[in-house]
Amino acid sequence: MAKKGKIKNGNNKAKHSKLMAQKKNKLKKEAELRKAKLKAINARVNDATISEASN
């Protein structure tokens, strides 16, 4: 027979899942931001080297 009543640890599991999803999203966002910053730096360096080569 199936148990009736509250799910054991249901609230804790839901909170943990929510927090882990927040953590994953935060890490993903930070990685994208880091990648964008590096791309901008590389673009600036490439522009600087191109302008130096043409001088």
C-alpha atoms as a PDB file:
ATOM      1  CA  MET A   1       0.000   0.000   0.000  1.00  0.00           C
ATOM      2  CA  ALA A   2       1.148   3.490  -0.748  1.00  0.00           C
ATOM      3  CA  LYS A   3       1.847   5.816   2.137  1.00  0.00           C
ATOM      4  CA  LYS A   4      -0.497   8.672   2.779  1.00  0.00           C
ATOM      5  CA  GLY A   5       0.505  12.029   4.178  1.00  0.00           C
ATOM      6  CA  LYS A   6       3.360  14.423   3.669  1.00  0.00           C
ATOM      7  CA  ILE A   7       6.360  13.603   1.510  1.00  0.00           C
ATOM      8  CA  LYS A   8       9.438  12.991   3.625  1.00  0.00           C
ATOM      9  CA  ASN A   9      12.045  15.732   3.057  1.00  0.00           C
ATOM     10  CA  GLY A  10       9.991  17.158   0.188  1.00  0.00           C
ATOM     11  CA  ASN A  11      10.542  20.773   1.203  1.00  0.00           C
ATOM     12  CA  ASN A  12      14.266  20.297   1.781  1.00  0.00           C
ATOM     13  CA  LYS A  13      14.714  18.614  -1.597  1.00  0.00           C
ATOM     14  CA  ALA A  14      12.812  21.390  -3.340  1.00  0.00           C
ATOM     15  CA  LYS A  15      14.893  24.094  -1.619  1.00  0.00           C
ATOM     16  CA  HIS A  16      18.116  22.256  -2.425  1.00  0.00           C
ATOM     17  CA  SER A  17      17.153  21.868  -6.084  1.00  0.00           C
ATOM     18  CA  LYS A  18      16.297  25.566  -6.285  1.00  0.00           C
ATOM     19  CA  LEU A  19      19.585  26.591  -4.676  1.00  0.00           C
ATOM     20  CA  MET A  20      21.627  24.289  -6.904  1.00  0.00           C
ATOM     21  CA  ALA A  21      19.880  25.693  -9.986  1.00  0.00           C
ATOM     22  CA  GLN A  22      20.695  29.231  -8.799  1.00  0.00           C
ATOM     23  CA  LYS A  23      24.335  28.232  -8.320  1.00  0.00           C
ATOM     24  CA  LYS A  24      24.565  26.680 -11.802  1.00  0.00           C
ATOM     25  CA  ASN A  25      22.964  29.748 -13.376  1.00  0.00           C
ATOM     26  CA  LYS A  26      25.336  32.059 -11.502  1.00  0.00           C
ATOM     27  CA  LEU A  27      28.396  30.092 -12.620  1.00  0.00           C
ATOM     28  CA  LYS A  28      27.136  29.993 -16.210  1.00  0.00           C
ATOM     29  CA  LYS A  29      26.529  33.751 -16.204  1.00  0.00           C
ATOM     30  CA  GLU A  30      29.980  34.441 -14.742  1.00  0.00           C
ATOM     31  CA  ALA A  31      31.602  32.230 -17.383  1.00  0.00           C
ATOM     32  CA  GLU A  32      29.763  34.056 -20.180  1.00  0.00           C
ATOM     33  CA  LEU A  33      30.760  37.421 -18.707  1.00  0.00           C
ATOM     34  CA  ARG A  34      34.403  36.308 -18.446  1.00  0.00           C
ATOM     35  CA  LYS A  35      34.325  35.079 -22.035  1.00  0.00           C
ATOM     36  CA  ALA A  36      32.860  38.402 -23.239  1.00  0.00           C
ATOM     37  CA  LYS A  37      35.519  40.386 -21.363  1.00  0.00           C
ATOM     38  CA  LEU A  38      38.305  38.273 -22.876  1.00  0.00           C
ATOM     39  CA  LYS A  39      36.809  38.687 -26.325  1.00  0.00           C
ATOM     40  CA  ALA A  40      36.746  42.479 -25.864  1.00  0.00           C
ATOM     41  CA  ILE A  41      40.360  42.496 -24.657  1.00  0.00           C
ATOM     42  CA  ASN A  42      41.442  40.373 -27.628  1.00  0.00           C
ATOM     43  CA  ALA A  43      39.665  42.700 -30.029  1.00  0.00           C
ATOM     44  CA  ARG A  44      41.433  45.734 -28.510  1.00  0.00           C
ATOM     45  CA  VAL A  45      44.826  44.014 -28.707  1.00  0.00           C
ATOM     46  CA  ASN A  46      44.221  42.977 -32.320  1.00  0.00           C
ATOM     47  CA  ASP A  47      43.218  46.549 -33.240  1.00  0.00           C
ATOM     48  CA  ALA A  48      46.340  47.888 -31.546  1.00  0.00           C
ATOM     49  CA  THR A  49      48.632  45.455 -33.349  1.00  0.00           C
ATOM     50  CA  ILE A  50      46.993  46.165 -36.712  1.00  0.00           C
ATOM     51  CA  SER A  51      47.399  49.922 -36.234  1.00  0.00           C
ATOM     52  CA  GLU A  52      51.047  49.470 -35.186  1.00  0.00           C
ATOM     53  CA  ALA A  53      51.763  47.323 -38.221  1.00  0.00           C
ATOM     54  CA  SER A  54      50.285  49.907 -40.561  1.00  0.00           C
ATOM     55  CA  ASN A  55      52.403  52.721 -39.058  1.00  0.00           C
END
